[in-house]
Amino acid sequence: MQTYGVSFKERGKIYYFNFENPDLTARQEVIVETENGEQFGYIVKKITDNKGIENIKMILRIATEEDRKKVEQNKKDALKALENARKLAEKFNLDMKFIDANFNFERKQLLFNFTADERVDFRELAKALAGIYRTRIELRQVGVRDKAKEVGGIGQCGRCLCCKNFLEHVGSISINMVKNQNIAINPSKINGQCGRLLCCLTYEDEEYTRCQKGMPLVGDIVKTEYGEGKVVSVDILNRAYKVDVDGNKYEVRLNCENCSK
C-alpha cells in the first residue's frame, strides 16, 4: 500500500490517501474518497514515510475521460451558481463578496467561499441555494490572504503573488519581522495585495536574526575605536553600522563570531 499527497486544485492544500498501485506519478488524475463524498484530484507527491498521518482514506481509482468531462461540467455549473449566489446575496442585503464556487465530484456538496468585514447571517441564502440546486450547500467565510491566493495578482516585486505561485502554507507573519529587518513601517511598502503583511518577510527573517546578534540599534550610544558616539544607521546583513563621533561619521564592522549558523 502506497501513500500519496493529493491536491484538488492548483497550489491547494495537500491531503493524503493510500492506493494499492505504487507507480502513480505526479499530476496523474485520480478519484478519492473524502468525508464529503468522492472528489477529483491529482497526485502531487509520493510519501515515503506516512508516520504521523492519521485517518488516511483511499484513492478509489485513476480518473477516466468520463470523469474529466464530468469535472468540466461541474466547473461550468459552479460558475453559474456563483452568479446566482451573488444575485441572491444582493436580494437579501448581505454584505459579502464571493470568491468562487465548487461542486464536489458527485455534486453532493456545493461550496461557496466568500469574504466579509463582519460575520454574516446567511441562513436564508443557504436555504434559497439549496432549493435551487438540491444539494448540500456550504458557505465558508475566508480571510483576505485566502482571497489573494485564489484570485492571484502581481506583487510589488513585479512577479506573480507567492501565495498563488508556490506557497502551500503561510505561517505567522508579524510586525516584529519588519522591525527586525530594519524596514520602514510604511503600509505601502510592507503590505501585499491582500492588505496584510508581505509573505516574503518570513523568507530572510532567520538570516536577519542571525546577523543581528551583537548589533546596536539606531540611537544607541556606543564606544568605538574612534571614541564614544551615537549610532546613526545600521547595515544588518553586512554586520556594519555608522556612528557619529563629534560630528564625524565612522563605519564600524563586526565579525560574525557570535552569529555563526
C-alpha atoms as a PDB file:
ATOM      1  CA  MET A   1       0.000   0.000   0.000  1.00  0.00           C
ATOM      2  CA  GLN A   2       1.459   3.353  -1.095  1.00  0.00           C
ATOM      3  CA  THR A   3       0.590   6.783   0.358  1.00  0.00           C
ATOM      4  CA  TYR A   4       0.244   9.777  -1.958  1.00  0.00           C
ATOM      5  CA  GLY A   5      -0.213  13.510  -1.476  1.00  0.00           C
ATOM      6  CA  VAL A   6      -3.238  14.677  -3.483  1.00  0.00           C
ATOM      7  CA  SER A   7      -4.494  18.193  -4.199  1.00  0.00           C
ATOM      8  CA  PHE A   8      -7.898  19.202  -5.549  1.00  0.00           C
ATOM      9  CA  LYS A   9      -6.722  22.432  -7.186  1.00  0.00           C
ATOM     10  CA  GLU A  10      -3.533  24.252  -8.215  1.00  0.00           C
ATOM     11  CA  ARG A  11      -1.397  25.156  -5.188  1.00  0.00           C
ATOM     12  CA  GLY A  12      -4.173  23.868  -2.971  1.00  0.00           C
ATOM     13  CA  LYS A  13      -3.852  22.076   0.336  1.00  0.00           C
ATOM     14  CA  ILE A  14      -2.361  18.590   0.125  1.00  0.00           C
ATOM     15  CA  TYR A  15      -4.322  15.643   1.509  1.00  0.00           C
ATOM     16  CA  TYR A  16      -3.047  12.108   1.950  1.00  0.00           C
ATOM     17  CA  PHE A  17      -4.511   8.906   0.515  1.00  0.00           C
ATOM     18  CA  ASN A  18      -3.490   5.270   0.178  1.00  0.00           C
ATOM     19  CA  PHE A  19      -3.579   3.275  -3.035  1.00  0.00           C
ATOM     20  CA  GLU A  20      -2.599  -0.264  -3.978  1.00  0.00           C
ATOM     21  CA  ASN A  21      -0.741   0.911  -7.091  1.00  0.00           C
ATOM     22  CA  PRO A  22       2.757   2.112  -6.082  1.00  0.00           C
ATOM     23  CA  ASP A  23       3.572   3.530  -9.525  1.00  0.00           C
ATOM     24  CA  LEU A  24       1.378   6.642  -9.775  1.00  0.00           C
ATOM     25  CA  THR A  25       3.213   9.735 -10.972  1.00  0.00           C
ATOM     26  CA  ALA A  26       2.949  13.463 -10.269  1.00  0.00           C
ATOM     27  CA  ARG A  27      -0.037  15.195 -11.950  1.00  0.00           C
ATOM     28  CA  GLN A  28      -1.816  11.888 -12.504  1.00  0.00           C
ATOM     29  CA  GLU A  29      -5.562  12.413 -12.014  1.00  0.00           C
ATOM     30  CA  VAL A  30      -7.442  10.269  -9.512  1.00  0.00           C
ATOM     31  CA  ILE A  31     -10.809   9.886  -7.777  1.00  0.00           C
ATOM     32  CA  VAL A  32     -10.519   9.787  -3.986  1.00  0.00           C
ATOM     33  CA  GLU A  33     -12.804   9.142  -1.043  1.00  0.00           C
ATOM     34  CA  THR A  34     -13.359  12.097   1.328  1.00  0.00           C
ATOM     35  CA  GLU A  35     -15.693  12.911   4.202  1.00  0.00           C
ATOM     36  CA  ASN A  36     -17.856  14.831   1.739  1.00  0.00           C
ATOM     37  CA  GLY A  37     -18.013  12.075  -0.850  1.00  0.00           C
ATOM     38  CA  GLU A  38     -15.900  11.344  -3.910  1.00  0.00           C
ATOM     39  CA  GLN A  39     -13.571  14.055  -5.155  1.00  0.00           C
ATOM     40  CA  PHE A  40     -11.444  14.577  -8.263  1.00  0.00           C
ATOM     41  CA  GLY A  41      -7.788  15.446  -7.664  1.00  0.00           C
ATOM     42  CA  TYR A  42      -4.268  14.904  -8.911  1.00  0.00           C
ATOM     43  CA  ILE A  43      -1.131  13.390  -7.456  1.00  0.00           C
ATOM     44  CA  VAL A  44       1.316  15.927  -6.034  1.00  0.00           C
ATOM     45  CA  LYS A  45       3.904  13.638  -4.495  1.00  0.00           C
ATOM     46  CA  LYS A  46       4.623  10.136  -3.257  1.00  0.00           C
ATOM     47  CA  ILE A  47       5.031   9.781   0.508  1.00  0.00           C
ATOM     48  CA  THR A  48       7.900   7.581   1.665  1.00  0.00           C
ATOM     49  CA  ASP A  49       7.000   7.731   5.366  1.00  0.00           C
ATOM     50  CA  ASN A  50       3.385   8.152   6.439  1.00  0.00           C
ATOM     51  CA  LYS A  51       4.052   8.018  10.169  1.00  0.00           C
ATOM     52  CA  GLY A  52       2.132  10.762  11.956  1.00  0.00           C
ATOM     53  CA  ILE A  53      -0.514  10.981   9.216  1.00  0.00           C
ATOM     54  CA  GLU A  54      -3.834   9.867  10.674  1.00  0.00           C
ATOM     55  CA  ASN A  55      -7.131   8.720   9.138  1.00  0.00           C
ATOM     56  CA  ILE A  56      -5.744   8.121   5.656  1.00  0.00           C
ATOM     57  CA  LYS A  57      -8.550   7.398   3.207  1.00  0.00           C
ATOM     58  CA  MET A  58      -8.312   5.624  -0.134  1.00  0.00           C
ATOM     59  CA  ILE A  59      -7.751   6.566  -3.743  1.00  0.00           C
ATOM     60  CA  LEU A  60     -10.676   4.827  -5.391  1.00  0.00           C
ATOM     61  CA  ARG A  61      -9.366   4.743  -8.937  1.00  0.00           C
ATOM     62  CA  ILE A  62      -7.399   6.511 -11.643  1.00  0.00           C
ATOM     63  CA  ALA A  63      -9.615   9.110 -13.322  1.00  0.00           C
ATOM     64  CA  THR A  64     -11.134   8.283 -16.704  1.00  0.00           C
ATOM     65  CA  GLU A  65     -12.051  10.514 -19.633  1.00  0.00           C
ATOM     66  CA  GLU A  66     -15.684  10.397 -18.482  1.00  0.00           C
ATOM     67  CA  ASP A  67     -14.575  11.612 -15.055  1.00  0.00           C
ATOM     68  CA  ARG A  68     -12.760  14.558 -16.638  1.00  0.00           C
ATOM     69  CA  LYS A  69     -15.840  15.510 -18.663  1.00  0.00           C
ATOM     70  CA  LYS A  70     -17.934  15.403 -15.510  1.00  0.00           C
ATOM     71  CA  VAL A  71     -15.454  17.667 -13.700  1.00  0.00           C
ATOM     72  CA  GLU A  72     -15.526  20.191 -16.550  1.00  0.00           C
ATOM     73  CA  GLN A  73     -19.328  20.256 -16.470  1.00  0.00           C
ATOM     74  CA  ASN A  74     -19.250  20.717 -12.697  1.00  0.00           C
ATOM     75  CA  LYS A  75     -16.952  23.725 -13.142  1.00  0.00           C
ATOM     76  CA  LYS A  76     -19.300  25.327 -15.683  1.00  0.00           C
ATOM     77  CA  ASP A  77     -22.318  24.763 -13.444  1.00  0.00           C
ATOM     78  CA  ALA A  78     -20.420  26.126 -10.431  1.00  0.00           C
ATOM     79  CA  LEU A  79     -19.742  29.391 -12.296  1.00  0.00           C
ATOM     80  CA  LYS A  80     -23.472  29.781 -12.920  1.00  0.00           C
ATOM     81  CA  ALA A  81     -24.145  29.000  -9.257  1.00  0.00           C
ATOM     82  CA  LEU A  82     -21.669  31.702  -8.285  1.00  0.00           C
ATOM     83  CA  GLU A  83     -23.583  34.313 -10.291  1.00  0.00           C
ATOM     84  CA  ASN A  84     -26.868  33.191  -8.739  1.00  0.00           C
ATOM     85  CA  ALA A  85     -25.366  33.393  -5.249  1.00  0.00           C
ATOM     86  CA  ARG A  86     -24.221  36.976  -5.864  1.00  0.00           C
ATOM     87  CA  LYS A  87     -27.679  37.991  -7.046  1.00  0.00           C
ATOM     88  CA  LEU A  88     -29.368  36.314  -4.076  1.00  0.00           C
ATOM     89  CA  ALA A  89     -26.926  37.910  -1.613  1.00  0.00           C
ATOM     90  CA  GLU A  90     -27.836  41.298  -3.057  1.00  0.00           C
ATOM     91  CA  LYS A  91     -31.514  40.434  -2.770  1.00  0.00           C
ATOM     92  CA  PHE A  92     -31.092  39.549   0.932  1.00  0.00           C
ATOM     93  CA  ASN A  93     -28.926  42.654   1.525  1.00  0.00           C
ATOM     94  CA  LEU A  94     -25.929  40.609   2.610  1.00  0.00           C
ATOM     95  CA  ASP A  95     -22.570  42.381   2.601  1.00  0.00           C
ATOM     96  CA  MET A  96     -20.422  39.537   1.296  1.00  0.00           C
ATOM     97  CA  LYS A  97     -18.067  39.150  -1.652  1.00  0.00           C
ATOM     98  CA  PHE A  98     -17.979  35.728  -3.270  1.00  0.00           C
ATOM     99  CA  ILE A  99     -14.634  34.364  -4.449  1.00  0.00           C
ATOM    100  CA  ASP A 100     -15.553  31.046  -6.026  1.00  0.00           C
ATOM    101  CA  ALA A 101     -17.958  28.108  -6.024  1.00  0.00           C
ATOM    102  CA  ASN A 102     -17.202  24.400  -6.367  1.00  0.00           C
ATOM    103  CA  PHE A 103     -19.241  21.223  -6.703  1.00  0.00           C
ATOM    104  CA  ASN A 104     -17.622  18.106  -5.361  1.00  0.00           C
ATOM    105  CA  PHE A 105     -17.258  15.289  -7.890  1.00  0.00           C
ATOM    106  CA  GLU A 106     -20.595  13.624  -7.087  1.00  0.00           C
ATOM    107  CA  ARG A 107     -22.378  17.016  -6.791  1.00  0.00           C
ATOM    108  CA  LYS A 108     -23.424  16.126  -3.250  1.00  0.00           C
ATOM    109  CA  GLN A 109     -21.965  19.395  -1.983  1.00  0.00           C
ATOM    110  CA  LEU A 110     -21.749  22.933  -3.383  1.00  0.00           C
ATOM    111  CA  LEU A 111     -19.171  25.065  -1.583  1.00  0.00           C
ATOM    112  CA  PHE A 112     -19.011  28.857  -1.770  1.00  0.00           C
ATOM    113  CA  ASN A 113     -16.024  30.813  -0.450  1.00  0.00           C
ATOM    114  CA  PHE A 114     -16.579  34.466   0.406  1.00  0.00           C
ATOM    115  CA  THR A 115     -15.068  37.385   2.295  1.00  0.00           C
ATOM    116  CA  ALA A 116     -16.857  39.843   4.548  1.00  0.00           C
ATOM    117  CA  ASP A 117     -15.851  42.527   7.023  1.00  0.00           C
ATOM    118  CA  GLU A 118     -18.099  41.053   9.707  1.00  0.00           C
ATOM    119  CA  ARG A 119     -19.942  37.830  10.442  1.00  0.00           C
ATOM    120  CA  VAL A 120     -22.814  37.228   8.040  1.00  0.00           C
ATOM    121  CA  ASP A 121     -26.138  35.539   8.783  1.00  0.00           C
ATOM    122  CA  PHE A 122     -26.512  33.620   5.528  1.00  0.00           C
ATOM    123  CA  ARG A 123     -29.150  31.102   6.610  1.00  0.00           C
ATOM    124  CA  GLU A 124     -31.822  32.409   4.236  1.00  0.00           C
ATOM    125  CA  LEU A 125     -29.307  32.493   1.404  1.00  0.00           C
ATOM    126  CA  ALA A 126     -28.299  28.885   2.082  1.00  0.00           C
ATOM    127  CA  LYS A 127     -31.950  27.787   2.040  1.00  0.00           C
ATOM    128  CA  ALA A 128     -32.545  29.547  -1.259  1.00  0.00           C
ATOM    129  CA  LEU A 129     -29.479  27.973  -2.860  1.00  0.00           C
ATOM    130  CA  ALA A 130     -30.386  24.518  -1.535  1.00  0.00           C
ATOM    131  CA  GLY A 131     -33.848  24.910  -3.074  1.00  0.00           C
ATOM    132  CA  ILE A 132     -32.302  25.642  -6.464  1.00  0.00           C
ATOM    133  CA  TYR A 133     -29.521  23.051  -6.576  1.00  0.00           C
ATOM    134  CA  ARG A 134     -30.997  20.282  -4.403  1.00  0.00           C
ATOM    135  CA  THR A 135     -27.691  19.515  -2.736  1.00  0.00           C
ATOM    136  CA  ARG A 136     -25.828  20.327   0.452  1.00  0.00           C
ATOM    137  CA  ILE A 137     -24.807  23.990   0.500  1.00  0.00           C
ATOM    138  CA  GLU A 138     -21.757  25.185   2.420  1.00  0.00           C
ATOM    139  CA  LEU A 139     -20.817  28.859   2.669  1.00  0.00           C
ATOM    140  CA  ARG A 140     -17.320  29.426   4.044  1.00  0.00           C
ATOM    141  CA  GLN A 141     -16.030  32.822   5.115  1.00  0.00           C
ATOM    142  CA  VAL A 142     -12.313  33.090   4.364  1.00  0.00           C
ATOM    143  CA  GLY A 143      -9.638  35.695   5.037  1.00  0.00           C
ATOM    144  CA  VAL A 144      -8.133  38.203   2.633  1.00  0.00           C
ATOM    145  CA  ARG A 145      -4.975  36.098   2.287  1.00  0.00           C
ATOM    146  CA  ASP A 146      -7.105  33.189   1.073  1.00  0.00           C
ATOM    147  CA  LYS A 147      -8.777  35.502  -1.411  1.00  0.00           C
ATOM    148  CA  ALA A 148      -5.428  36.706  -2.767  1.00  0.00           C
ATOM    149  CA  LYS A 149      -4.277  33.109  -3.156  1.00  0.00           C
ATOM    150  CA  GLU A 150      -7.424  32.220  -5.088  1.00  0.00           C
ATOM    151  CA  VAL A 151      -7.555  35.325  -7.293  1.00  0.00           C
ATOM    152  CA  GLY A 152      -3.824  35.902  -7.798  1.00  0.00           C
ATOM    153  CA  GLY A 153      -2.110  39.080  -8.983  1.00  0.00           C
ATOM    154  CA  ILE A 154       1.222  40.847  -9.332  1.00  0.00           C
ATOM    155  CA  GLY A 155       3.244  41.802  -6.269  1.00  0.00           C
ATOM    156  CA  GLN A 156       5.472  44.803  -5.611  1.00  0.00           C
ATOM    157  CA  CYS A 157       8.401  42.820  -6.994  1.00  0.00           C
ATOM    158  CA  GLY A 158       6.674  42.554 -10.368  1.00  0.00           C
ATOM    159  CA  ARG A 159       6.170  38.810 -10.107  1.00  0.00           C
ATOM    160  CA  CYS A 160       3.154  36.588  -9.543  1.00  0.00           C
ATOM    161  CA  LEU A 161       1.998  36.531  -5.910  1.00  0.00           C
ATOM    162  CA  CYS A 162       3.926  33.929  -3.894  1.00  0.00           C
ATOM    163  CA  CYS A 163       0.728  32.546  -2.350  1.00  0.00           C
ATOM    164  CA  LYS A 164      -0.680  31.897  -5.814  1.00  0.00           C
ATOM    165  CA  ASN A 165       2.550  30.711  -7.384  1.00  0.00           C
ATOM    166  CA  PHE A 166       4.159  28.281  -4.949  1.00  0.00           C
ATOM    167  CA  LEU A 167       3.330  28.772  -1.261  1.00  0.00           C
ATOM    168  CA  GLU A 168       1.346  25.858   0.134  1.00  0.00           C
ATOM    169  CA  HIS A 169       1.209  27.279   3.651  1.00  0.00           C
ATOM    170  CA  VAL A 170       1.551  30.819   5.006  1.00  0.00           C
ATOM    171  CA  GLY A 171       2.977  30.869   8.504  1.00  0.00           C
ATOM    172  CA  SER A 172       2.753  33.544  11.147  1.00  0.00           C
ATOM    173  CA  ILE A 173       3.900  36.992   9.962  1.00  0.00           C
ATOM    174  CA  SER A 174       4.397  39.790  12.498  1.00  0.00           C
ATOM    175  CA  ILE A 175       5.396  43.453  12.588  1.00  0.00           C
ATOM    176  CA  ASN A 176       8.470  42.321  14.548  1.00  0.00           C
ATOM    177  CA  MET A 177       9.812  40.863  11.302  1.00  0.00           C
ATOM    178  CA  VAL A 178       9.583  44.318   9.722  1.00  0.00           C
ATOM    179  CA  LYS A 179      11.484  45.876  12.635  1.00  0.00           C
ATOM    180  CA  ASN A 180      13.968  43.008  12.695  1.00  0.00           C
ATOM    181  CA  GLN A 181      14.857  43.659   9.043  1.00  0.00           C
ATOM    182  CA  ASN A 182      15.175  47.409   9.610  1.00  0.00           C
ATOM    183  CA  ILE A 183      12.391  48.214   7.136  1.00  0.00           C
ATOM    184  CA  ALA A 184      10.485  51.480   7.420  1.00  0.00           C
ATOM    185  CA  ILE A 185       6.969  50.869   8.719  1.00  0.00           C
ATOM    186  CA  ASN A 186       5.225  52.195   5.624  1.00  0.00           C
ATOM    187  CA  PRO A 187       1.987  50.316   4.769  1.00  0.00           C
ATOM    188  CA  SER A 188       2.537  50.769   1.036  1.00  0.00           C
ATOM    189  CA  LYS A 189       5.919  49.048   1.335  1.00  0.00           C
ATOM    190  CA  ILE A 190       5.279  46.268   3.844  1.00  0.00           C
ATOM    191  CA  ASN A 191       1.745  45.195   2.878  1.00  0.00           C
ATOM    192  CA  GLY A 192       0.874  42.933  -0.033  1.00  0.00           C
ATOM    193  CA  GLN A 193      -2.044  42.971  -2.471  1.00  0.00           C
ATOM    194  CA  CYS A 194      -4.240  41.456   0.241  1.00  0.00           C
ATOM    195  CA  GLY A 195      -3.575  44.373   2.590  1.00  0.00           C
ATOM    196  CA  ARG A 196      -1.734  42.154   5.062  1.00  0.00           C
ATOM    197  CA  LEU A 197       1.990  41.967   5.818  1.00  0.00           C
ATOM    198  CA  LEU A 198       4.057  40.603   2.936  1.00  0.00           C
ATOM    199  CA  CYS A 199       4.568  36.840   2.995  1.00  0.00           C
ATOM    200  CA  CYS A 200       8.173  37.327   1.856  1.00  0.00           C
ATOM    201  CA  LEU A 201       9.036  38.965   5.178  1.00  0.00           C
ATOM    202  CA  THR A 202       9.441  35.421   6.505  1.00  0.00           C
ATOM    203  CA  TYR A 203      11.963  34.355   3.864  1.00  0.00           C
ATOM    204  CA  GLU A 204      15.023  36.155   5.283  1.00  0.00           C
ATOM    205  CA  ASP A 205      13.929  36.775   8.844  1.00  0.00           C
ATOM    206  CA  GLU A 206      16.040  33.921  10.200  1.00  0.00           C
ATOM    207  CA  GLU A 207      19.160  35.319   8.488  1.00  0.00           C
ATOM    208  CA  TYR A 208      18.474  38.829   9.779  1.00  0.00           C
ATOM    209  CA  THR A 209      18.046  37.431  13.297  1.00  0.00           C
ATOM    210  CA  ARG A 210      21.359  35.599  12.965  1.00  0.00           C
ATOM    211  CA  CYS A 211      23.262  38.634  11.687  1.00  0.00           C
ATOM    212  CA  GLN A 212      21.668  40.994  14.191  1.00  0.00           C
ATOM    213  CA  LYS A 213      23.298  39.349  17.210  1.00  0.00           C
ATOM    214  CA  GLY A 214      25.541  41.879  18.971  1.00  0.00           C
ATOM    215  CA  MET A 215      24.474  44.737  16.664  1.00  0.00           C
ATOM    216  CA  PRO A 216      23.479  48.084  18.224  1.00  0.00           C
ATOM    217  CA  LEU A 217      20.257  49.915  17.379  1.00  0.00           C
ATOM    218  CA  VAL A 218      19.965  53.324  15.755  1.00  0.00           C
ATOM    219  CA  GLY A 219      20.167  55.891  18.541  1.00  0.00           C
ATOM    220  CA  ASP A 220      22.345  53.774  20.843  1.00  0.00           C
ATOM    221  CA  ILE A 221      25.421  55.405  22.417  1.00  0.00           C
ATOM    222  CA  VAL A 222      28.409  53.130  21.837  1.00  0.00           C
ATOM    223  CA  LYS A 223      32.139  53.156  22.430  1.00  0.00           C
ATOM    224  CA  THR A 224      34.318  52.614  19.369  1.00  0.00           C
ATOM    225  CA  GLU A 225      37.971  52.947  18.407  1.00  0.00           C
ATOM    226  CA  TYR A 226      37.056  56.417  17.174  1.00  0.00           C
ATOM    227  CA  GLY A 227      35.560  57.414  20.506  1.00  0.00           C
ATOM    228  CA  GLU A 228      32.082  57.405  22.030  1.00  0.00           C
ATOM    229  CA  GLY A 229      29.291  58.303  19.688  1.00  0.00           C
ATOM    230  CA  LYS A 230      25.695  57.773  18.563  1.00  0.00           C
ATOM    231  CA  VAL A 231      24.669  55.096  16.088  1.00  0.00           C
ATOM    232  CA  VAL A 232      23.027  56.781  13.084  1.00  0.00           C
ATOM    233  CA  SER A 233      22.491  53.792  10.740  1.00  0.00           C
ATOM    234  CA  VAL A 234      22.926  50.015  10.642  1.00  0.00           C
ATOM    235  CA  ASP A 235      23.573  47.502   7.843  1.00  0.00           C
ATOM    236  CA  ILE A 236      22.456  44.234   9.425  1.00  0.00           C
ATOM    237  CA  LEU A 237      23.427  41.755   6.705  1.00  0.00           C
ATOM    238  CA  ASN A 238      26.933  43.245   6.400  1.00  0.00           C
ATOM    239  CA  ARG A 239      27.244  43.447  10.197  1.00  0.00           C
ATOM    240  CA  ALA A 240      28.160  47.128   9.975  1.00  0.00           C
ATOM    241  CA  TYR A 241      26.930  50.398  11.452  1.00  0.00           C
ATOM    242  CA  LYS A 242      27.773  54.089  11.278  1.00  0.00           C
ATOM    243  CA  VAL A 243      28.457  56.100  14.394  1.00  0.00           C
ATOM    244  CA  ASP A 244      28.562  59.883  14.820  1.00  0.00           C
ATOM    245  CA  VAL A 245      31.532  60.959  16.937  1.00  0.00           C
ATOM    246  CA  ASP A 246      31.749  64.718  17.490  1.00  0.00           C
ATOM    247  CA  GLY A 247      30.107  65.424  14.131  1.00  0.00           C
ATOM    248  CA  ASN A 248      32.187  62.938  12.196  1.00  0.00           C
ATOM    249  CA  LYS A 249      30.701  59.679  10.896  1.00  0.00           C
ATOM    250  CA  TYR A 250      32.665  56.446  11.017  1.00  0.00           C
ATOM    251  CA  GLU A 251      31.795  52.946   9.852  1.00  0.00           C
ATOM    252  CA  VAL A 252      32.283  50.073  12.256  1.00  0.00           C
ATOM    253  CA  ARG A 253      32.226  46.449  11.143  1.00  0.00           C
ATOM    254  CA  LEU A 254      31.693  43.485  13.439  1.00  0.00           C
ATOM    255  CA  ASN A 255      32.894  39.963  12.892  1.00  0.00           C
ATOM    256  CA  CYS A 256      30.495  37.026  12.796  1.00  0.00           C
ATOM    257  CA  GLU A 257      31.837  35.015  15.698  1.00  0.00           C
ATOM    258  CA  ASN A 258      28.566  35.458  17.534  1.00  0.00           C
ATOM    259  CA  CYS A 259      26.305  34.972  14.541  1.00  0.00           C
ATOM    260  CA  SER A 260      27.556  31.700  13.090  1.00  0.00           C
ATOM    261  CA  LYS A 261      24.909  29.226  11.967  1.00  0.00           C
END
